[in-house]
Protein backbone atom coordinates (compact mmCIF):
# COMPACT_ATOMS: atom_id res chain seq x y z
CA MET A 1 -0.15 -0.21 -0.05
CA TYR A 2 2.81 2.62 0.80
CA THR A 3 4.99 1.82 -1.95
CA GLU A 4 1.93 2.44 -4.32
CA LEU A 5 1.16 5.65 -2.57
CA ALA A 6 4.55 6.66 -3.00
CA VAL A 7 4.56 6.13 -6.50
CA LEU A 8 1.36 8.01 -6.95
CA ALA A 9 2.34 11.02 -4.92
CA LEU A 10 5.82 11.31 -6.80
CA PHE A 11 4.01 11.10 -9.92
CA VAL A 12 1.80 13.74 -8.91
CA PHE A 13 4.43 16.07 -8.04
CA CYS A 14 6.60 15.41 -11.24
CA TYR A 15 3.72 16.20 -13.33
CA SER A 16 2.78 19.38 -11.23
CA LEU A 17 6.21 20.95 -12.28
CA ILE A 18 5.09 20.37 -16.45
CA ALA A 19 1.35 20.57 -15.84
CA GLY A 20 1.28 23.89 -17.90
CA ARG A 21 3.36 22.72 -20.52
CA ILE A 22 1.46 19.46 -20.88
CA GLU A 23 -1.93 21.32 -20.98
CA ARG A 24 -0.95 23.24 -24.02
CA ALA A 25 0.37 19.74 -25.85
CA ALA A 26 -2.21 17.16 -27.41
CA ALA A 27 -2.29 15.07 -24.22
CA SER A 28 -4.22 15.70 -21.39
CA GLY A 29 -3.38 14.96 -17.84
CA PRO A 30 -5.76 12.38 -17.36
CA ILE A 31 -4.37 10.85 -20.47
CA VAL A 32 -1.03 10.86 -18.99
CA PHE A 33 -1.81 9.48 -15.84
CA VAL A 34 -3.92 6.43 -17.43
CA VAL A 35 -0.89 5.60 -19.52
CA ALA A 36 1.41 5.66 -16.26
CA GLY A 37 -0.89 3.25 -14.79
CA LEU A 38 -0.90 1.02 -17.66
CA PHE A 39 2.63 1.16 -17.76
CA MET A 40 3.11 0.62 -13.71
CA GLY A 41 0.31 -1.88 -13.39
CA PRO A 42 0.00 -5.74 -14.07
CA LEU A 43 0.62 -5.42 -17.70
CA GLY A 44 3.76 -3.20 -17.17
CA LEU A 45 6.37 -3.08 -14.30
CA GLY A 46 3.98 -4.68 -11.83
CA TRP A 47 4.44 -1.82 -9.39
CA PHE A 48 0.53 -1.83 -8.50
CA ASP A 49 -1.12 -4.91 -7.30
CA GLY A 50 -4.88 -4.82 -8.70
CA ASP A 51 -6.03 -7.11 -6.05
CA SER A 52 -4.88 -4.61 -3.22
CA THR A 53 -6.11 -1.55 -4.54
CA HIS A 54 -9.60 -2.22 -5.35
CA VAL A 55 -10.81 -0.91 -2.36
CA GLU A 56 -8.66 2.18 -2.57
CA LEU A 57 -9.75 2.89 -6.09
CA ARG A 58 -13.56 2.69 -4.86
CA VAL A 59 -13.14 4.89 -1.79
CA LEU A 60 -10.70 7.59 -4.10
CA ALA A 61 -13.61 7.48 -6.96
CA ASP A 62 -16.20 8.37 -4.62
CA LEU A 63 -14.66 10.96 -2.47
CA THR A 64 -13.73 12.57 -5.68
CA LEU A 65 -16.94 12.59 -7.42
CA ALA A 66 -18.50 13.92 -4.56
CA LEU A 67 -16.01 16.69 -4.26
CA VAL A 68 -16.04 17.24 -8.19
CA LEU A 69 -19.93 17.34 -8.11
CA PHE A 70 -19.87 20.10 -5.04
CA ILE A 71 -17.58 22.15 -6.93
CA ASP A 72 -19.21 22.00 -10.16
CA ALA A 73 -22.49 22.86 -8.80
CA ALA A 74 -21.03 25.67 -6.53
CA ASN A 75 -19.30 26.98 -9.54
CA ALA A 76 -22.76 27.45 -11.30
CA ASP A 77 -22.91 31.31 -12.06
CA PHE A 78 -26.69 31.78 -11.96
CA ARG A 79 -25.92 35.65 -13.44
CA VAL A 80 -24.20 33.73 -16.66
CA LEU A 81 -26.79 30.99 -16.51
CA LYS A 82 -29.69 34.01 -17.32
CA GLN A 83 -27.81 35.17 -19.75
CA GLN A 84 -26.73 32.15 -21.64
CA TYR A 85 -29.31 29.69 -20.41
CA ARG A 86 -30.58 28.85 -23.87
CA ILE A 87 -27.97 26.47 -24.63
CA PRO A 88 -27.45 24.52 -21.88
CA LEU A 89 -30.99 24.36 -20.84
CA ARG A 90 -31.93 22.73 -24.55
CA MET A 91 -29.05 19.96 -23.85
CA LEU A 92 -29.97 19.38 -20.54
CA LEU A 93 -33.62 18.87 -21.05
CA LEU A 94 -33.66 17.73 -24.52
CA GLY A 95 -30.22 16.17 -25.47
CA LEU A 96 -29.74 14.55 -22.13
CA PRO A 97 -33.01 12.61 -22.33
CA GLY A 98 -32.32 11.92 -25.94
CA ALA A 99 -28.66 10.41 -25.45
CA ILE A 100 -29.97 7.92 -22.82
CA PHE A 101 -32.82 6.89 -24.80
CA LEU A 102 -30.62 6.51 -27.94
CA GLY A 103 -27.91 4.70 -25.85
CA THR A 104 -30.71 2.33 -24.55
CA ILE A 105 -31.91 1.27 -27.97
CA ALA A 106 -28.31 0.82 -29.29
CA ALA A 107 -27.65 -1.21 -26.05
CA SER A 108 -30.67 -3.38 -26.42
CA PHE A 109 -29.85 -3.93 -30.17
CA LEU A 110 -26.15 -4.80 -29.67
CA PHE A 111 -26.21 -6.77 -26.50
CA ASP A 112 -28.74 -9.69 -26.14
CA SER A 113 -27.74 -10.31 -22.74
CA LEU A 114 -29.05 -7.10 -21.31
CA SER A 115 -32.50 -6.51 -19.94
CA ILE A 116 -34.27 -3.14 -21.05
CA TYR A 117 -33.39 -1.74 -17.75
CA GLU A 118 -29.85 -2.84 -17.98
CA ALA A 119 -29.56 -1.34 -21.41
CA ALA A 120 -30.99 1.73 -19.87
CA ILE A 121 -28.79 1.80 -16.89
CA LEU A 122 -25.69 1.52 -19.52
CA GLY A 123 -27.17 4.41 -21.71
CA THR A 124 -27.70 6.83 -18.58
CA ILE A 125 -24.00 5.86 -17.13
CA LEU A 126 -22.51 7.12 -20.36
CA ALA A 127 -24.74 10.11 -20.46
CA ALA A 128 -23.17 11.94 -18.10
CA THR A 129 -20.12 14.05 -19.18
CA ASP A 130 -16.89 15.17 -17.32
CA ALA A 131 -16.24 19.05 -17.05
CA ALA A 132 -12.74 18.27 -15.90
CA LEU A 133 -11.78 16.41 -19.22
CA GLY A 134 -13.62 19.34 -21.37
CA LYS A 135 -11.42 21.87 -19.77
CA ALA A 136 -9.04 22.46 -22.51
CA VAL A 137 -12.11 23.57 -24.58
CA ILE A 138 -14.03 25.52 -21.71
CA SER A 139 -10.83 27.53 -21.06
CA ASN A 140 -10.11 28.09 -24.68
CA LYS A 141 -10.80 31.90 -25.46
CA ALA A 142 -10.64 31.08 -29.23
CA VAL A 143 -14.07 29.38 -28.57
CA PRO A 144 -17.26 31.83 -28.45
CA VAL A 145 -18.45 32.53 -24.98
CA GLN A 146 -21.63 31.29 -25.65
CA ILE A 147 -20.39 27.81 -26.57
CA ARG A 148 -17.77 27.50 -23.85
CA GLU A 149 -20.52 28.44 -21.05
CA GLY A 150 -22.85 26.15 -22.57
CA LEU A 151 -20.45 22.98 -22.32
CA ASN A 152 -19.50 24.27 -18.95
CA ILE A 153 -22.97 24.46 -17.33
CA GLU A 154 -24.28 21.44 -19.18
CA SER A 155 -21.21 19.21 -17.90
CA GLY A 156 -21.50 20.70 -14.51
CA PHE A 157 -25.07 19.96 -14.17
CA ASN A 158 -25.87 16.44 -16.36
CA ASP A 159 -23.78 14.01 -13.76
CA GLY A 160 -25.70 15.10 -11.04
CA LEU A 161 -29.27 14.86 -13.09
CA CYS A 162 -28.23 11.33 -14.24
CA VAL A 163 -27.88 10.31 -10.28
CA PRO A 164 -31.79 9.92 -9.99
CA ILE A 165 -32.30 8.68 -13.21
CA LEU A 166 -29.67 6.04 -12.92
CA PHE A 167 -31.04 5.11 -9.54
CA VAL A 168 -34.81 4.44 -10.83
CA PHE A 169 -33.39 2.05 -13.80
CA ILE A 170 -31.21 0.32 -11.14
CA ALA A 171 -34.31 -0.23 -8.79
CA MET A 172 -36.23 -1.52 -11.73
CA ALA A 173 -33.35 -3.85 -12.87
CA VAL A 174 -33.20 -5.27 -9.41
CA GLY A 175 -36.40 -5.52 -8.70
CA THR A 176 -37.52 -7.27 -11.63
CA SER A 177 -35.07 -10.00 -10.97
CA SER A 178 -35.44 -10.59 -7.60
CA GLU A 179 -37.96 -12.87 -6.08
CA GLY A 180 -38.20 -10.86 -3.09
CA SER A 181 -38.46 -7.83 -4.29
CA SER A 182 -40.50 -5.75 -6.39
CA SER A 183 -40.09 -3.00 -8.55
CA MET A 184 -42.50 -0.57 -6.68
CA LEU A 185 -40.46 -1.27 -3.13
CA ALA A 186 -37.43 -0.40 -5.12
CA LEU A 187 -38.70 2.92 -6.42
CA THR A 188 -39.64 3.44 -2.98
CA LEU A 189 -36.48 3.00 -1.80
CA VAL A 190 -34.87 5.28 -4.49
CA ALA A 191 -37.41 7.89 -3.41
CA GLU A 192 -36.02 7.71 -0.04
CA GLU A 193 -32.32 7.85 -1.05
CA LEU A 194 -32.97 10.81 -3.08
CA GLY A 195 -35.14 12.49 -0.14
CA ILE A 196 -32.52 11.77 2.28
CA GLY A 197 -29.57 13.09 -0.17
CA LEU A 198 -31.48 16.29 -0.68
CA ALA A 199 -32.37 16.85 2.97
CA VAL A 200 -28.73 16.00 4.03
CA GLY A 201 -27.10 18.22 1.15
CA LEU A 202 -29.25 21.13 1.87
CA GLY A 203 -29.59 20.87 5.34
CA LEU A 204 -25.65 20.85 5.81
CA ALA A 205 -25.04 23.51 3.16
CA ALA A 206 -27.35 25.84 4.89
CA ILE A 207 -25.98 25.20 8.37
CA GLY A 208 -22.17 25.28 7.17
CA THR A 209 -22.53 28.70 5.16
CA ARG A 210 -24.32 30.42 7.80
CA LEU A 211 -21.67 29.16 10.45
CA PHE A 212 -18.96 30.08 8.10
CA LYS A 213 -20.11 33.98 7.69
CA TRP A 214 -20.74 33.94 11.27
CA CYS A 215 -17.27 32.97 12.48
CA HIS A 216 -15.77 34.83 9.29
CA ASN A 217 -17.45 38.10 10.52
CA ARG A 218 -15.76 37.63 13.91
CA GLY A 219 -12.27 37.05 12.71
CA TRP A 220 -12.16 33.28 13.64
CA VAL A 221 -11.31 31.89 10.42
CA THR A 222 -7.86 31.69 9.23
CA ASP A 223 -6.75 32.10 5.61
CA VAL A 224 -4.93 28.56 5.94
CA TRP A 225 -8.29 26.83 7.23
CA LYS A 226 -10.61 28.79 5.04
CA GLN A 227 -9.19 26.81 2.15
CA MET A 228 -10.65 23.58 3.82
CA THR A 229 -14.30 24.68 4.47
CA VAL A 230 -15.65 23.47 1.32
CA VAL A 231 -13.52 20.20 1.26
CA GLY A 232 -14.93 19.21 4.65
CA LEU A 233 -18.48 20.43 3.89
CA ALA A 234 -18.53 18.43 0.37
CA ILE A 235 -17.23 15.24 1.93
CA ALA A 236 -19.28 15.83 4.92
CA CYS A 237 -22.62 15.98 2.70
CA PHE A 238 -21.51 12.95 0.74
CA ALA A 239 -20.65 10.61 3.64
CA LEU A 240 -23.44 11.67 5.96
CA ALA A 241 -26.17 10.74 3.37
CA GLN A 242 -24.38 7.52 2.47
CA SER A 243 -24.50 6.86 6.26
CA LEU A 244 -28.16 7.53 6.38
CA HIS A 245 -28.78 5.42 3.38
CA GLY A 246 -29.43 8.42 1.14
CA SER A 247 -27.84 9.19 -2.09
CA GLY A 248 -24.36 11.10 -1.22
CA TYR A 249 -23.96 12.38 -4.61
CA ILE A 250 -27.41 14.15 -4.81
CA ALA A 251 -26.46 15.50 -1.41
CA ALA A 252 -23.00 16.43 -2.55
CA PHE A 253 -24.56 18.27 -5.66
CA SER A 254 -27.48 20.00 -4.14
CA GLY A 255 -25.17 20.98 -1.10
CA GLY A 256 -23.00 22.58 -3.90
CA LEU A 257 -25.84 24.36 -5.65
CA LEU A 258 -26.70 26.00 -2.13
CA PHE A 259 -23.32 26.90 -1.15
CA GLY A 260 -22.57 28.72 -4.33
CA TYR A 261 -25.82 30.54 -4.25
CA LYS A 262 -25.50 31.70 -0.89
CA SER A 263 -21.70 32.38 -0.76
CA LYS A 264 -22.28 34.52 -4.25
CA GLN A 265 -18.95 36.65 -4.89
CA SER A 266 -16.95 34.82 -2.52
CA THR A 267 -17.42 31.53 -4.10
CA HIS A 268 -14.69 31.28 -6.29
CA LYS A 269 -12.03 32.20 -3.61
CA LEU A 270 -13.74 29.83 -1.47
CA ILE A 271 -13.55 26.76 -3.77
CA LEU A 272 -10.11 27.41 -5.51
CA ALA A 273 -7.98 25.47 -3.15
CA ALA A 274 -10.74 22.63 -3.15
CA GLU A 275 -10.71 22.40 -7.10
CA GLY A 276 -6.81 22.09 -6.89
CA ILE A 277 -7.44 19.09 -4.24
CA GLY A 278 -10.29 17.90 -6.24
CA GLU A 279 -8.22 17.62 -9.48
CA THR A 280 -5.18 16.12 -7.87
CA MET A 281 -7.47 13.12 -6.47
CA ALA A 282 -9.49 12.87 -9.68
CA LEU A 283 -5.52 12.25 -11.65
CA MET A 284 -4.69 9.80 -9.03
CA THR A 285 -7.96 7.87 -9.46
CA TRP A 286 -7.13 7.68 -13.30
CA MET A 287 -3.76 6.24 -12.60
CA LEU A 288 -5.17 3.49 -10.64
CA PHE A 289 -8.06 3.21 -13.36
CA GLY A 290 -4.94 2.73 -16.19
CA SER A 291 -3.26 0.14 -13.74
CA ILE A 292 -6.05 -2.08 -12.33
CA VAL A 293 -9.35 -1.48 -14.46
CA ILE A 294 -7.98 -1.02 -17.82
CA GLY A 295 -5.26 -3.70 -17.30
CA GLN A 296 -7.31 -6.35 -16.15
CA SER A 297 -10.36 -5.63 -18.55
CA ILE A 298 -8.29 -5.78 -22.01
CA GLU A 299 -8.89 -9.66 -22.22
CA TYR A 300 -12.57 -9.56 -21.99
CA LEU A 301 -13.42 -6.86 -24.31
CA THR A 302 -15.18 -7.67 -27.53
CA TRP A 303 -15.80 -6.00 -30.87
CA GLU A 304 -19.57 -5.43 -29.88
CA MET A 305 -18.55 -3.32 -26.97
CA LEU A 306 -15.94 -1.63 -29.15
CA GLY A 307 -18.88 -0.82 -31.45
CA TYR A 308 -21.25 0.37 -28.75
CA ALA A 309 -18.17 2.54 -27.37
CA LEU A 310 -18.07 4.44 -30.88
CA LEU A 311 -21.71 5.10 -31.14
CA SER A 312 -21.95 6.20 -27.67
CA LEU A 313 -19.20 8.91 -28.43
CA THR A 314 -20.64 9.83 -32.06
CA VAL A 315 -24.26 9.45 -33.00
CA VAL A 316 -25.69 8.50 -29.56
CA ARG A 317 -24.52 11.71 -28.05
CA MET A 318 -24.35 14.18 -31.09
CA LEU A 319 -27.50 13.52 -32.72
CA PRO A 320 -29.56 14.28 -29.72
CA ILE A 321 -27.45 17.57 -28.86
CA TYR A 322 -27.77 18.75 -32.80
CA LEU A 323 -31.75 18.03 -32.63
CA SER A 324 -31.89 19.86 -29.19
CA LEU A 325 -30.43 22.81 -30.83
CA ALA A 326 -32.71 23.26 -33.69
CA GLY A 327 -34.22 26.91 -34.03
CA SER A 328 -31.53 27.99 -31.67
CA GLY A 329 -29.95 30.13 -34.27
CA GLU A 330 -26.29 28.23 -33.61
CA SER A 331 -24.32 27.12 -36.81
CA THR A 332 -24.01 23.48 -38.00
CA SER A 333 -20.47 23.49 -36.99
CA ALA A 334 -21.34 24.79 -33.34
CA LYS A 335 -23.89 22.20 -32.95
CA LEU A 336 -21.54 19.50 -34.13
CA PHE A 337 -18.93 21.12 -31.80
CA LEU A 338 -21.21 21.12 -28.90
CA GLY A 339 -22.33 17.43 -29.53
CA TRP A 340 -18.66 15.96 -30.08
CA PHE A 341 -17.32 17.65 -26.55
CA GLY A 342 -19.21 15.45 -24.20
CA PRO A 343 -16.41 13.58 -22.63
CA ARG A 344 -16.89 10.60 -20.40
CA GLY A 345 -14.95 10.27 -17.43
CA LEU A 346 -14.96 10.15 -13.54
CA ALA A 347 -18.78 10.01 -13.14
CA SER A 348 -19.37 7.26 -15.48
CA ILE A 349 -16.61 5.01 -13.74
CA VAL A 350 -18.14 5.69 -10.26
CA PHE A 351 -21.58 4.98 -11.83
CA ALA A 352 -20.47 1.67 -12.88
CA ILE A 353 -19.15 1.01 -9.50
CA ILE A 354 -22.73 1.89 -8.21
CA VAL A 355 -24.16 -0.62 -10.37
CA ILE A 356 -21.84 -3.42 -9.22
CA ASN A 357 -22.64 -2.69 -5.60
CA LYS A 358 -26.05 -2.63 -6.02
CA GLY A 359 -26.11 -6.12 -7.39
CA VAL A 360 -27.73 -5.74 -11.07
CA PRO A 361 -27.57 -9.02 -12.68
CA GLN A 362 -24.96 -8.02 -15.61
CA ALA A 363 -23.45 -5.33 -13.86
CA LYS A 364 -19.77 -6.45 -14.78
CA PHE A 365 -20.83 -6.62 -18.37
CA VAL A 366 -22.12 -3.14 -17.90
CA ALA A 367 -19.04 -1.99 -16.32
CA MET A 368 -16.80 -3.54 -19.10
CA VAL A 369 -18.19 -1.35 -21.74
CA VAL A 370 -18.14 1.79 -19.44
CA VAL A 371 -14.51 1.21 -19.32
CA LEU A 372 -13.90 0.65 -22.60
CA THR A 373 -15.88 3.67 -23.76
CA VAL A 374 -14.26 6.09 -21.28
CA PHE A 375 -10.69 5.14 -22.26
CA LEU A 376 -11.70 6.00 -25.85
CA SER A 377 -12.97 9.34 -24.88
CA LEU A 378 -9.94 10.10 -23.15
CA VAL A 379 -7.95 9.63 -26.09
CA ALA A 380 -10.19 10.98 -28.71
CA HIS A 381 -11.45 14.10 -26.90
CA GLY A 382 -7.63 14.47 -25.14
CA ILE A 383 -6.10 14.60 -28.52
CA SER A 384 -8.87 16.60 -30.57
CA ALA A 385 -9.46 19.49 -27.66
CA ASN A 386 -6.72 22.05 -28.59
CA PRO A 387 -6.89 21.43 -32.44
CA LEU A 388 -10.68 21.37 -32.84
CA ALA A 389 -11.14 24.36 -30.53
CA LYS A 390 -8.47 26.79 -32.26
CA LEU A 391 -10.21 25.58 -35.81
CA PHE A 392 -13.80 26.50 -34.64
CA GLY A 393 -12.41 29.72 -32.85
CA ASP A 394 -10.78 30.77 -36.47
CA LYS A 395 -13.98 29.72 -38.40
CA THR A 396 -15.95 32.01 -36.02
CA ASP A 397 -14.02 34.98 -36.36
CA ALA A 398 -13.57 34.34 -40.22
CA LYS A 399 -17.38 34.48 -40.44
CA LYS A 400 -17.46 37.63 -38.27
CA LYS A 401 -15.05 39.39 -40.70
């Protein structure tokens, strides 16, 4: 365990020294860490023992997603949302359900072993996009602001919105396959999970922000510990909800929304340190993902899985997004750009872990498809981010002239 931790920490340190240079290149941080994980895992040097780090990966991925959900929700700028709501609203209300529907149909057609609910689970898992993996596009000033904000807001909200949908399909899949459980009972348990998650997230965030302001006004909060308030509150929302048999992900997301709304102009300063911690945890998760998950999954992958992964990254995502933006006034190239940059990442991996833990009959098969899709997304979106952003920006500037 300590050897693996040392390798992780040293690699993170070395990467931090050249992160700025790598971000300007074709290879993104997640690609670097996944490749490093493959090289150091069982298929390479063998420094990571897959059996001994499965638990660590699950815990790290859980905490990372909870922190990322909280930060993404807190980062939501409601003033910008009022001005730029048209694109993300269409993508979330029309594009997201469309992607889940198409993903479900494609999975049912390609995989005979999956029930309709299991196909829907796979479609939902891969409908969630990763804001961190799209950072190269969102932060690129060459891309028009409405496109950048549209992607940023969509990726910040869609993984949180996918959680209740995923839980409903899991409940239906488990309920119909279990003799001692009914679909109605399973859905009731889901409603309880969501209710507890919302209550914990909103309750803790309301109390936490009020306490922070009260203590800050009295000069009790130091600059050092101010940086840890968001991390502590995010993980508290997640862990308390989980301990009460609620959804920690809903708690983290709803808590982040309320925290960002209450903190207003101070939000960015308060979450800056948490963003750095979250990004570091995410990169460490990607290294373990490369060494443990991909290293042990390669021999089980099939051509049908590859076909579905390619469909998920292209038609299943791009067609609903394109249709959702009909009549929006955006150009064809803008619609295709928004559709392509929906990278799959950490949320999909954690959702796959949830499905396995919930006892869905074909959970391992679903997880294999998710692993392959996420890996292809890491490569395809990581390599294409900077070149396509520049090309799209140049094309937009040329039209203005």
